[in-house]
PDB file of N, CA and C in Angstrom:
ATOM      1  N   MET A   1     -56.072  83.910   8.271  1.00  0.00           N
ATOM      2  CA  MET A   1     -55.044  83.746   8.982  1.00  0.00           C
ATOM      3  C   MET A   1     -54.717  84.567  10.875  1.00  0.00           C
ATOM      4  N   LYS A   2     -55.293  86.384  10.424  1.00  0.00           N
ATOM      5  CA  LYS A   2     -55.090  86.682  11.716  1.00  0.00           C
ATOM      6  C   LYS A   2     -56.199  86.418  12.984  1.00  0.00           C
ATOM      7  N   GLU A   3     -57.340  85.554  12.231  1.00  0.00           N
ATOM      8  CA  GLU A   3     -58.962  85.457  13.756  1.00  0.00           C
ATOM      9  C   GLU A   3     -57.710  83.965  12.955  1.00  0.00           C
ATOM     10  N   LEU A   4     -57.566  82.580  12.831  1.00  0.00           N
ATOM     11  CA  LEU A   4     -56.937  81.278  12.998  1.00  0.00           C
ATOM     12  C   LEU A   4     -55.898  82.219  14.054  1.00  0.00           C
ATOM     13  N   THR A   5     -54.958  82.808  14.036  1.00  0.00           N
ATOM     14  CA  THR A   5     -53.703  82.979  14.417  1.00  0.00           C
ATOM     15  C   THR A   5     -53.751  83.521  16.203  1.00  0.00           C
ATOM     16  N   ALA A   6     -54.979  84.513  16.167  1.00  0.00           N
ATOM     17  CA  ALA A   6     -55.688  85.185  17.702  1.00  0.00           C
ATOM     18  C   ALA A   6     -56.270  83.718  17.802  1.00  0.00           C
ATOM     19  N   LEU A   7     -56.756  82.842  17.529  1.00  0.00           N
ATOM     20  CA  LEU A   7     -57.586  82.184  17.819  1.00  0.00           C
ATOM     21  C   LEU A   7     -56.545  80.881  19.113  1.00  0.00           C
ATOM     22  N   LEU A   8     -55.453  80.523  18.494  1.00  0.00           N
ATOM     23  CA  LEU A   8     -54.142  79.523  18.839  1.00  0.00           C
ATOM     24  C   LEU A   8     -53.999  80.318  20.426  1.00  0.00           C
ATOM     25  N   PHE A   9     -53.306  81.643  19.878  1.00  0.00           N
ATOM     26  CA  PHE A   9     -53.096  82.164  21.117  1.00  0.00           C
ATOM     27  C   PHE A   9     -54.137  82.054  22.296  1.00  0.00           C
ATOM     28  N   ASN A  10     -55.864  82.140  21.798  1.00  0.00           N
ATOM     29  CA  ASN A  10     -56.578  82.116  22.818  1.00  0.00           C
ATOM     30  C   ASN A  10     -56.758  80.272  23.465  1.00  0.00           C
ATOM     31  N   LYS A  11     -56.340  79.398  23.314  1.00  0.00           N
ATOM     32  CA  LYS A  11     -55.873  78.258  23.187  1.00  0.00           C
ATOM     33  C   LYS A  11     -54.970  78.199  24.405  1.00  0.00           C
ATOM     34  N   ILE A  12     -54.182  78.738  23.950  1.00  0.00           N
ATOM     35  CA  ILE A  12     -52.789  78.248  24.581  1.00  0.00           C
ATOM     36  C   ILE A  12     -52.030  79.696  24.888  1.00  0.00           C
ATOM     37  N   ASP A  13     -50.773  78.959  25.966  1.00  0.00           N
ATOM     38  CA  ASP A  13     -49.559  80.310  26.513  1.00  0.00           C
ATOM     39  C   ASP A  13     -48.730  80.696  25.919  1.00  0.00           C
ATOM     40  N   PRO A  14     -48.820  81.545  25.212  1.00  0.00           N
ATOM     41  CA  PRO A  14     -47.664  81.364  24.334  1.00  0.00           C
ATOM     42  C   PRO A  14     -45.744  81.316  25.128  1.00  0.00           C
ATOM     43  N   THR A  15     -46.007  81.202  26.424  1.00  0.00           N
ATOM     44  CA  THR A  15     -45.064  82.001  27.410  1.00  0.00           C
ATOM     45  C   THR A  15     -44.315  80.805  27.757  1.00  0.00           C
ATOM     46  N   LEU A  16     -44.970  79.350  27.636  1.00  0.00           N
ATOM     47  CA  LEU A  16     -44.634  78.319  27.997  1.00  0.00           C
ATOM     48  C   LEU A  16     -44.027  76.990  26.698  1.00  0.00           C
ATOM     49  N   LYS A  17     -42.828  77.185  26.917  1.00  0.00           N
ATOM     50  CA  LYS A  17     -41.846  76.669  25.831  1.00  0.00           C
ATOM     51  C   LYS A  17     -42.130  74.917  25.888  1.00  0.00           C
ATOM     52  N   ASP A  18     -42.611  74.444  24.776  1.00  0.00           N
ATOM     53  CA  ASP A  18     -42.511  73.038  24.392  1.00  0.00           C
ATOM     54  C   ASP A  18     -43.809  72.854  25.794  1.00  0.00           C
ATOM     55  N   GLN A  19     -45.163  72.912  25.273  1.00  0.00           N
ATOM     56  CA  GLN A  19     -45.672  72.946  26.573  1.00  0.00           C
ATOM     57  C   GLN A  19     -47.054  73.639  25.751  1.00  0.00           C
ATOM     58  N   VAL A  20     -48.181  72.582  26.254  1.00  0.00           N
ATOM     59  CA  VAL A  20     -49.491  72.674  26.396  1.00  0.00           C
ATOM     60  C   VAL A  20     -49.987  72.090  27.519  1.00  0.00           C
ATOM     61  N   GLY A  21     -51.014  73.436  28.496  1.00  0.00           N
ATOM     62  CA  GLY A  21     -51.737  72.523  29.494  1.00  0.00           C
ATOM     63  C   GLY A  21     -50.759  72.200  29.880  1.00  0.00           C
ATOM     64  N   ASN A  22     -50.822  71.111  30.386  1.00  0.00           N
ATOM     65  CA  ASN A  22     -49.988  69.565  31.638  1.00  0.00           C
ATOM     66  C   ASN A  22     -49.041  68.797  30.584  1.00  0.00           C
ATOM     67  N   ASP A  23     -48.915  69.031  29.549  1.00  0.00           N
ATOM     68  CA  ASP A  23     -48.517  67.958  28.232  1.00  0.00           C
ATOM     69  C   ASP A  23     -47.018  68.919  28.088  1.00  0.00           C
ATOM     70  N   GLU A  24     -45.949  68.483  28.159  1.00  0.00           N
ATOM     71  CA  GLU A  24     -44.676  69.102  28.032  1.00  0.00           C
ATOM     72  C   GLU A  24     -44.049  68.238  26.379  1.00  0.00           C
ATOM     73  N   GLY A  25     -42.753  68.454  26.351  1.00  0.00           N
ATOM     74  CA  GLY A  25     -41.868  67.780  25.184  1.00  0.00           C
ATOM     75  C   GLY A  25     -41.823  68.566  24.136  1.00  0.00           C
ATOM     76  N   SER A  26     -40.516  69.051  22.922  1.00  0.00           N
ATOM     77  CA  SER A  26     -40.561  69.543  21.843  1.00  0.00           C
ATOM     78  C   SER A  26     -42.340  69.045  20.980  1.00  0.00           C
ATOM     79  N   GLN A  27     -42.537  68.251  21.657  1.00  0.00           N
ATOM     80  CA  GLN A  27     -43.966  67.395  20.434  1.00  0.00           C
ATOM     81  C   GLN A  27     -45.045  68.968  20.941  1.00  0.00           C
ATOM     82  N   TYR A  28     -44.430  69.340  21.942  1.00  0.00           N
ATOM     83  CA  TYR A  28     -45.767  69.965  22.474  1.00  0.00           C
ATOM     84  C   TYR A  28     -45.415  71.501  21.502  1.00  0.00           C
ATOM     85  N   ARG A  29     -44.663  71.348  20.899  1.00  0.00           N
ATOM     86  CA  ARG A  29     -44.190  73.231  20.695  1.00  0.00           C
ATOM     87  C   ARG A  29     -45.252  73.524  19.785  1.00  0.00           C
ATOM     88  N   HIS A  30     -45.811  74.881  19.763  1.00  0.00           N
ATOM     89  CA  HIS A  30     -46.480  75.397  19.535  1.00  0.00           C
ATOM     90  C   HIS A  30     -46.380  76.412  17.831  1.00  0.00           C
ATOM     91  N   GLY A  31     -47.316  76.961  17.221  1.00  0.00           N
ATOM     92  CA  GLY A  31     -46.176  77.563  16.104  1.00  0.00           C
ATOM     93  C   GLY A  31     -47.694  78.034  15.089  1.00  0.00           C
ATOM     94  N   VAL A  32     -46.950  79.342  14.371  1.00  0.00           N
ATOM     95  CA  VAL A  32     -48.018  79.255  12.816  1.00  0.00           C
ATOM     96  C   VAL A  32     -46.891  79.454  11.705  1.00  0.00           C
ATOM     97  N   TYR A  33     -47.590  78.618  10.476  1.00  0.00           N
ATOM     98  CA  TYR A  33     -47.052  78.374   9.527  1.00  0.00           C
ATOM     99  C   TYR A  33     -48.126  78.955   8.353  1.00  0.00           C
ATOM    100  N   TYR A  34     -46.554  79.788   7.377  1.00  0.00           N
ATOM    101  CA  TYR A  34     -47.167  80.504   6.606  1.00  0.00           C
ATOM    102  C   TYR A  34     -47.155  80.111   5.407  1.00  0.00           C
ATOM    103  N   HIS A  35     -47.930  79.806   4.376  1.00  0.00           N
ATOM    104  CA  HIS A  35     -47.344  79.962   2.907  1.00  0.00           C
ATOM    105  C   HIS A  35     -47.456  81.111   2.054  1.00  0.00           C
ATOM    106  N   THR A  36     -47.817  82.361   1.831  1.00  0.00           N
ATOM    107  CA  THR A  36     -47.320  83.393   1.513  1.00  0.00           C
ATOM    108  C   THR A  36     -47.451  84.740   2.232  1.00  0.00           C
ATOM    109  N   PRO A  37     -46.708  85.408   2.470  1.00  0.00           N
ATOM    110  CA  PRO A  37     -46.367  86.912   2.202  1.00  0.00           C
ATOM    111  C   PRO A  37     -47.589  87.176   2.952  1.00  0.00           C
ATOM    112  N   GLU A  38     -48.956  87.740   3.007  1.00  0.00           N
ATOM    113  CA  GLU A  38     -50.094  88.030   3.144  1.00  0.00           C
ATOM    114  C   GLU A  38     -50.312  87.212   4.357  1.00  0.00           C
ATOM    115  N   GLN A  39     -50.100  85.942   4.564  1.00  0.00           N
ATOM    116  CA  GLN A  39     -50.326  85.047   5.745  1.00  0.00           C
ATOM    117  C   GLN A  39     -48.739  85.507   6.391  1.00  0.00           C
ATOM    118  N   ARG A  40     -47.658  85.998   6.504  1.00  0.00           N
ATOM    119  CA  ARG A  40     -46.730  86.343   7.524  1.00  0.00           C
ATOM    120  C   ARG A  40     -47.528  87.885   7.840  1.00  0.00           C
ATOM    121  N   LYS A  41     -47.440  88.168   6.873  1.00  0.00           N
ATOM    122  CA  LYS A  41     -47.908  89.740   8.061  1.00  0.00           C
ATOM    123  C   LYS A  41     -49.150  89.642   8.863  1.00  0.00           C
ATOM    124  N   GLU A  42     -50.698  89.204   7.950  1.00  0.00           N
ATOM    125  CA  GLU A  42     -51.306  88.811   9.102  1.00  0.00           C
ATOM    126  C   GLU A  42     -50.747  88.455  10.510  1.00  0.00           C
ATOM    127  N   ALA A  43     -49.694  87.683  10.599  1.00  0.00           N
ATOM    128  CA  ALA A  43     -50.139  86.370  11.701  1.00  0.00           C
ATOM    129  C   ALA A  43     -49.170  87.569  12.320  1.00  0.00           C
ATOM    130  N   GLU A  44     -48.626  88.388  11.581  1.00  0.00           N
ATOM    131  CA  GLU A  44     -46.867  88.946  12.520  1.00  0.00           C
ATOM    132  C   GLU A  44     -48.089  90.554  13.587  1.00  0.00           C
ATOM    133  N   ALA A  45     -48.489  90.753  12.709  1.00  0.00           N
ATOM    134  CA  ALA A  45     -49.657  91.727  13.772  1.00  0.00           C
ATOM    135  C   ALA A  45     -50.373  90.991  14.306  1.00  0.00           C
ATOM    136  N   VAL A  46     -50.953  90.201  15.398  1.00  0.00           N
ATOM    137  CA  VAL A  46     -51.213  88.633  15.826  1.00  0.00           C
ATOM    138  C   VAL A  46     -50.426  89.241  16.781  1.00  0.00           C
ATOM    139  N   PHE A  47     -48.831  88.692  16.291  1.00  0.00           N
ATOM    140  CA  PHE A  47     -47.855  88.491  17.369  1.00  0.00           C
ATOM    141  C   PHE A  47     -47.725  89.983  17.819  1.00  0.00           C
ATOM    142  N   ALA A  48     -47.498  90.507  17.080  1.00  0.00           N
ATOM    143  CA  ALA A  48     -47.289  92.119  17.705  1.00  0.00           C
ATOM    144  C   ALA A  48     -48.651  92.465  19.217  1.00  0.00           C
ATOM    145  N   GLU A  49     -49.607  92.101  18.661  1.00  0.00           N
ATOM    146  CA  GLU A  49     -50.666  92.251  19.596  1.00  0.00           C
ATOM    147  C   GLU A  49     -50.441  91.929  20.400  1.00  0.00           C
ATOM    148  N   VAL A  50     -50.158  90.540  21.063  1.00  0.00           N
ATOM    149  CA  VAL A  50     -49.815  89.867  22.395  1.00  0.00           C
ATOM    150  C   VAL A  50     -48.874  89.400  22.604  1.00  0.00           C
ATOM    151  N   LYS A  51     -47.510  90.222  21.895  1.00  0.00           N
ATOM    152  CA  LYS A  51     -46.298  90.927  22.992  1.00  0.00           C
ATOM    153  C   LYS A  51     -46.242  92.180  23.623  1.00  0.00           C
ATOM    154  N   ALA A  52     -47.180  93.199  22.734  1.00  0.00           N
ATOM    155  CA  ALA A  52     -47.620  94.246  23.510  1.00  0.00           C
ATOM    156  C   ALA A  52     -48.615  93.868  25.141  1.00  0.00           C
ATOM    157  N   ALA A  53     -49.584  92.701  24.772  1.00  0.00           N
ATOM    158  CA  ALA A  53     -49.567  92.917  25.703  1.00  0.00           C
ATOM    159  C   ALA A  53     -49.137  91.991  27.573  1.00  0.00           C
ATOM    160  N   LEU A  54     -47.854  91.457  26.458  1.00  0.00           N
ATOM    161  CA  LEU A  54     -47.701  90.464  27.608  1.00  0.00           C
ATOM    162  C   LEU A  54     -46.115  91.293  27.930  1.00  0.00           C
ATOM    163  N   GLY A  55     -45.877  92.155  27.583  1.00  0.00           N
ATOM    164  CA  GLY A  55     -44.521  93.055  27.926  1.00  0.00           C
ATOM    165  C   GLY A  55     -43.324  92.468  28.000  1.00  0.00           C
ATOM    166  N   SER A  56     -42.837  91.906  28.740  1.00  0.00           N
ATOM    167  CA  SER A  56     -41.017  91.571  28.633  1.00  0.00           C
ATOM    168  C   SER A  56     -41.075  89.645  28.213  1.00  0.00           C
ATOM    169  N   ALA A  57     -42.023  89.507  28.846  1.00  0.00           N
ATOM    170  CA  ALA A  57     -42.412  87.657  28.577  1.00  0.00           C
ATOM    171  C   ALA A  57     -42.397  87.087  27.539  1.00  0.00           C
ATOM    172  N   PRO A  58     -41.826  86.101  27.738  1.00  0.00           N
ATOM    173  CA  PRO A  58     -40.790  85.549  26.109  1.00  0.00           C
ATOM    174  C   PRO A  58     -41.710  84.552  25.294  1.00  0.00           C
ATOM    175  N   ILE A  59     -42.144  84.834  23.981  1.00  0.00           N
ATOM    176  CA  ILE A  59     -43.178  84.193  23.259  1.00  0.00           C
ATOM    177  C   ILE A  59     -42.507  83.134  22.719  1.00  0.00           C
ATOM    178  N   TYR A  60     -42.343  82.159  23.274  1.00  0.00           N
ATOM    179  CA  TYR A  60     -42.296  80.733  22.592  1.00  0.00           C
ATOM    180  C   TYR A  60     -42.393  80.422  20.859  1.00  0.00           C
ATOM    181  N   THR A  61     -43.885  80.375  20.898  1.00  0.00           N
ATOM    182  CA  THR A  61     -44.635  80.382  19.251  1.00  0.00           C
ATOM    183  C   THR A  61     -43.507  80.829  18.321  1.00  0.00           C
ATOM    184  N   GLU A  62     -43.822  79.595  17.728  1.00  0.00           N
ATOM    185  CA  GLU A  62     -43.300  79.611  16.105  1.00  0.00           C
ATOM    186  C   GLU A  62     -43.619  80.586  15.498  1.00  0.00           C
ATOM    187  N   LEU A  63     -43.270  81.936  14.648  1.00  0.00           N
ATOM    188  CA  LEU A  63     -43.796  81.873  13.626  1.00  0.00           C
ATOM    189  C   LEU A  63     -42.942  82.130  12.212  1.00  0.00           C
ATOM    190  N   LYS A  64     -42.859  80.690  11.217  1.00  0.00           N
ATOM    191  CA  LYS A  64     -42.445  80.291   9.999  1.00  0.00           C
ATOM    192  C   LYS A  64     -43.689  79.888   9.375  1.00  0.00           C
ATOM    193  N   GLU A  65     -42.026  80.314   8.208  1.00  0.00           N
ATOM    194  CA  GLU A  65     -43.027  79.704   6.946  1.00  0.00           C
ATOM    195  C   GLU A  65     -43.274  77.974   6.804  1.00  0.00           C
ATOM    196  N   ALA A  66     -43.845  77.312   6.172  1.00  0.00           N
ATOM    197  CA  ALA A  66     -44.718  76.199   6.110  1.00  0.00           C
ATOM    198  C   ALA A  66     -43.298  76.253   5.327  1.00  0.00           C
ATOM    199  N   LYS A  67     -42.482  74.433   5.694  1.00  0.00           N
ATOM    200  CA  LYS A  67     -42.318  73.740   4.506  1.00  0.00           C
ATOM    201  C   LYS A  67     -42.705  72.464   4.032  1.00  0.00           C
ATOM    202  N   VAL A  68     -41.689  71.548   4.415  1.00  0.00           N
ATOM    203  CA  VAL A  68     -42.077  70.065   3.866  1.00  0.00           C
ATOM    204  C   VAL A  68     -43.383  69.698   4.974  1.00  0.00           C
ATOM    205  N   PHE A  69     -44.621  68.468   5.245  1.00  0.00           N
ATOM    206  CA  PHE A  69     -45.834  68.491   5.571  1.00  0.00           C
ATOM    207  C   PHE A  69     -45.105  66.788   5.683  1.00  0.00           C
ATOM    208  N   PHE A  70     -44.741  66.749   6.980  1.00  0.00           N
ATOM    209  CA  PHE A  70     -45.143  64.888   7.249  1.00  0.00           C
ATOM    210  C   PHE A  70     -47.104  64.756   8.094  1.00  0.00           C
ATOM    211  N   PRO A  71     -47.701  63.933   7.246  1.00  0.00           N
ATOM    212  CA  PRO A  71     -48.993  63.738   7.866  1.00  0.00           C
ATOM    213  C   PRO A  71     -49.056  62.329   9.153  1.00  0.00           C
ATOM    214  N   ALA A  72     -49.820  62.677  10.000  1.00  0.00           N
ATOM    215  CA  ALA A  72     -49.878  61.763  10.540  1.00  0.00           C
ATOM    216  C   ALA A  72     -49.847  60.406  10.355  1.00  0.00           C
ATOM    217  N   GLU A  73     -49.803  59.231  11.360  1.00  0.00           N
ATOM    218  CA  GLU A  73     -50.362  57.715  10.635  1.00  0.00           C
ATOM    219  C   GLU A  73     -51.903  57.630  10.952  1.00  0.00           C
ATOM    220  N   GLU A  74     -52.228  56.901  10.005  1.00  0.00           N
ATOM    221  CA  GLU A  74     -53.141  57.007  10.223  1.00  0.00           C
ATOM    222  C   GLU A  74     -54.771  56.552  11.342  1.00  0.00           C
ATOM    223  N   TYR A  75     -53.477  56.110  12.588  1.00  0.00           N
ATOM    224  CA  TYR A  75     -55.257  55.824  13.629  1.00  0.00           C
ATOM    225  C   TYR A  75     -55.408  57.405  14.585  1.00  0.00           C
ATOM    226  N   HIS A  76     -53.937  58.642  13.694  1.00  0.00           N
ATOM    227  CA  HIS A  76     -54.380  59.852  14.549  1.00  0.00           C
ATOM    228  C   HIS A  76     -55.158  60.392  13.778  1.00  0.00           C
ATOM    229  N   GLN A  77     -55.232  60.323  12.152  1.00  0.00           N
ATOM    230  CA  GLN A  77     -56.189  60.301  11.106  1.00  0.00           C
ATOM    231  C   GLN A  77     -57.579  60.963  11.514  1.00  0.00           C
ATOM    232  N   ARG A  78     -58.068  62.487  11.489  1.00  0.00           N
ATOM    233  CA  ARG A  78     -59.844  62.530  11.750  1.00  0.00           C
ATOM    234  C   ARG A  78     -59.568  61.908  13.178  1.00  0.00           C
ATOM    235  N   TYR A  79     -59.004  61.924  13.783  1.00  0.00           N
ATOM    236  CA  TYR A  79     -59.188  61.838  15.425  1.00  0.00           C
ATOM    237  C   TYR A  79     -59.998  62.060  15.871  1.00  0.00           C
ATOM    238  N   LEU A  80     -60.292  63.700  16.588  1.00  0.00           N
ATOM    239  CA  LEU A  80     -61.450  64.268  16.862  1.00  0.00           C
ATOM    240  C   LEU A  80     -63.263  63.504  16.231  1.00  0.00           C
ATOM    241  N   GLU A  81     -62.968  63.689  15.248  1.00  0.00           N
ATOM    242  CA  GLU A  81     -64.189  63.040  14.292  1.00  0.00           C
ATOM    243  C   GLU A  81     -64.405  62.173  14.773  1.00  0.00           C
ATOM    244  N   LYS A  82     -63.533  60.946  15.044  1.00  0.00           N
ATOM    245  CA  LYS A  82     -63.568  59.420  15.694  1.00  0.00           C
ATOM    246  C   LYS A  82     -63.999  59.729  17.246  1.00  0.00           C
ATOM    247  N   GLY A  83     -63.517  60.626  17.620  1.00  0.00           N
ATOM    248  CA  GLY A  83     -63.590  60.764  19.407  1.00  0.00           C
ATOM    249  C   GLY A  83     -63.403  61.143  19.739  1.00  0.00           C
ATOM    250  N   GLY A  84     -60.993  60.598  19.809  1.00  0.00           N
ATOM    251  CA  GLY A  84     -60.502  61.173  20.700  1.00  0.00           C
ATOM    252  C   GLY A  84     -60.787  59.937  21.760  1.00  0.00           C
ATOM    253  N   ARG A  85     -60.346  60.493  22.149  1.00  0.00           N
ATOM    254  CA  ARG A  85     -60.028  60.005  23.794  1.00  0.00           C
ATOM    255  C   ARG A  85     -61.172  59.110  24.156  1.00  0.00           C
ATOM    256  N   ALA A  86     -61.705  60.704  24.000  1.00  0.00           N
ATOM    257  CA  ALA A  86     -63.506  60.373  25.449  1.00  0.00           C
ATOM    258  C   ALA A  86     -64.447  59.312  24.202  1.00  0.00           C
ATOM    259  N   GLY A  87     -63.761  59.717  23.292  1.00  0.00           N
ATOM    260  CA  GLY A  87     -65.021  58.247  22.423  1.00  0.00           C
ATOM    261  C   GLY A  87     -66.244  59.430  22.147  1.00  0.00           C
ATOM    262  N   ARG A  88     -66.411  60.929  22.006  1.00  0.00           N
ATOM    263  CA  ARG A  88     -67.338  61.054  21.366  1.00  0.00           C
ATOM    264  C   ARG A  88     -66.943  62.658  20.593  1.00  0.00           C
ATOM    265  N   GLY A  89     -67.694  62.055  19.305  1.00  0.00           N
ATOM    266  CA  GLY A  89     -67.274  62.592  17.926  1.00  0.00           C
ATOM    267  C   GLY A  89     -66.959  64.131  18.222  1.00  0.00           C
ATOM    268  N   GLN A  90     -66.791  64.900  17.143  1.00  0.00           N
ATOM    269  CA  GLN A  90     -67.033  66.068  17.042  1.00  0.00           C
ATOM    270  C   GLN A  90     -66.651  66.060  15.193  1.00  0.00           C
ATOM    271  N   SER A  91     -67.445  67.630  15.329  1.00  0.00           N
ATOM    272  CA  SER A  91     -67.335  68.094  14.169  1.00  0.00           C
ATOM    273  C   SER A  91     -65.704  68.381  12.981  1.00  0.00           C
ATOM    274  N   ALA A  92     -65.771  68.539  12.044  1.00  0.00           N
ATOM    275  CA  ALA A  92     -64.450  68.976  11.190  1.00  0.00           C
ATOM    276  C   ALA A  92     -64.937  69.704  10.106  1.00  0.00           C
ATOM    277  N   ALA A  93     -66.479  69.982  10.160  1.00  0.00           N
ATOM    278  CA  ALA A  93     -66.871  70.299   8.773  1.00  0.00           C
ATOM    279  C   ALA A  93     -66.796  71.784   8.784  1.00  0.00           C
ATOM    280  N   LYS A  94     -66.338  72.532   7.672  1.00  0.00           N
ATOM    281  CA  LYS A  94     -65.999  73.930   7.291  1.00  0.00           C
ATOM    282  C   LYS A  94     -67.093  74.461   8.044  1.00  0.00           C
ATOM    283  N   GLY A  95     -67.225  75.539   8.697  1.00  0.00           N
ATOM    284  CA  GLY A  95     -67.805  76.557   9.366  1.00  0.00           C
ATOM    285  C   GLY A  95     -68.893  75.926  10.775  1.00  0.00           C
ATOM    286  N   CYS A  96     -68.313  75.245  11.299  1.00  0.00           N
ATOM    287  CA  CYS A  96     -68.330  74.540  12.117  1.00  0.00           C
ATOM    288  C   CYS A  96     -68.046  75.597  13.281  1.00  0.00           C
ATOM    289  N   ARG A  97     -69.206  75.712  14.226  1.00  0.00           N
ATOM    290  CA  ARG A  97     -68.592  76.423  15.436  1.00  0.00           C
ATOM    291  C   ARG A  97     -69.091  75.603  16.486  1.00  0.00           C
ATOM    292  N   ASP A  98     -69.312  74.619  16.781  1.00  0.00           N
ATOM    293  CA  ASP A  98     -68.762  74.003  18.125  1.00  0.00           C
ATOM    294  C   ASP A  98     -68.066  73.967  19.030  1.00  0.00           C
ATOM    295  N   PRO A  99     -67.825  74.404  19.565  1.00  0.00           N
ATOM    296  CA  PRO A  99     -66.607  74.454  20.646  1.00  0.00           C
ATOM    297  C   PRO A  99     -65.466  73.116  20.263  1.00  0.00           C
ATOM    298  N   ILE A 100     -64.301  73.868  20.325  1.00  0.00           N
ATOM    299  CA  ILE A 100     -63.134  72.841  19.948  1.00  0.00           C
ATOM    300  C   ILE A 100     -63.273  71.744  21.848  1.00  0.00           C
ATOM    301  N   ARG A 101     -63.062  71.051  21.003  1.00  0.00           N
ATOM    302  CA  ARG A 101     -62.903  69.432  22.333  1.00  0.00           C
ATOM    303  C   ARG A 101     -61.865  68.843  22.615  1.00  0.00           C
ATOM    304  N   CYS A 102     -60.985  69.564  22.691  1.00  0.00           N
ATOM    305  CA  CYS A 102     -58.963  68.911  22.409  1.00  0.00           C
ATOM    306  C   CYS A 102     -59.321  67.447  23.487  1.00  0.00           C
ATOM    307  N   TYR A 103     -58.441  66.764  23.399  1.00  0.00           N
ATOM    308  CA  TYR A 103     -58.295  65.802  24.067  1.00  0.00           C
ATOM    309  C   TYR A 103     -59.889  65.166  25.416  1.00  0.00           C
ATOM    310  N   GLY A 104     -60.659  65.462  24.641  1.00  0.00           N
ATOM    311  CA  GLY A 104     -62.028  65.179  25.014  1.00  0.00           C
ATOM    312  C   GLY A 104     -62.519  65.559  25.355  1.00  0.00           C
TER     313      GLY A 104
END
């Protein structure tokens, strides 16, 4: 959980509310959702590091307990493996070290 949370903060700007890159709206909110107290503790440690680095800037990234999960529509399933909007497939295999190419 610690590595995944740190990776998220390396990919987004946590000071932007409901925004990732140039995409804006409540569907672009970002968060870390934990299942166990141990995961929460690990994520909180990373949040504290990020907050210390940002000083007084707000962090809009959510940290909440995982609740009900609603799967996306079928055409969104395995989106990057299918090639995303650029048509270039990307591996989702566990342990794959390929760079993440979100949105093509």
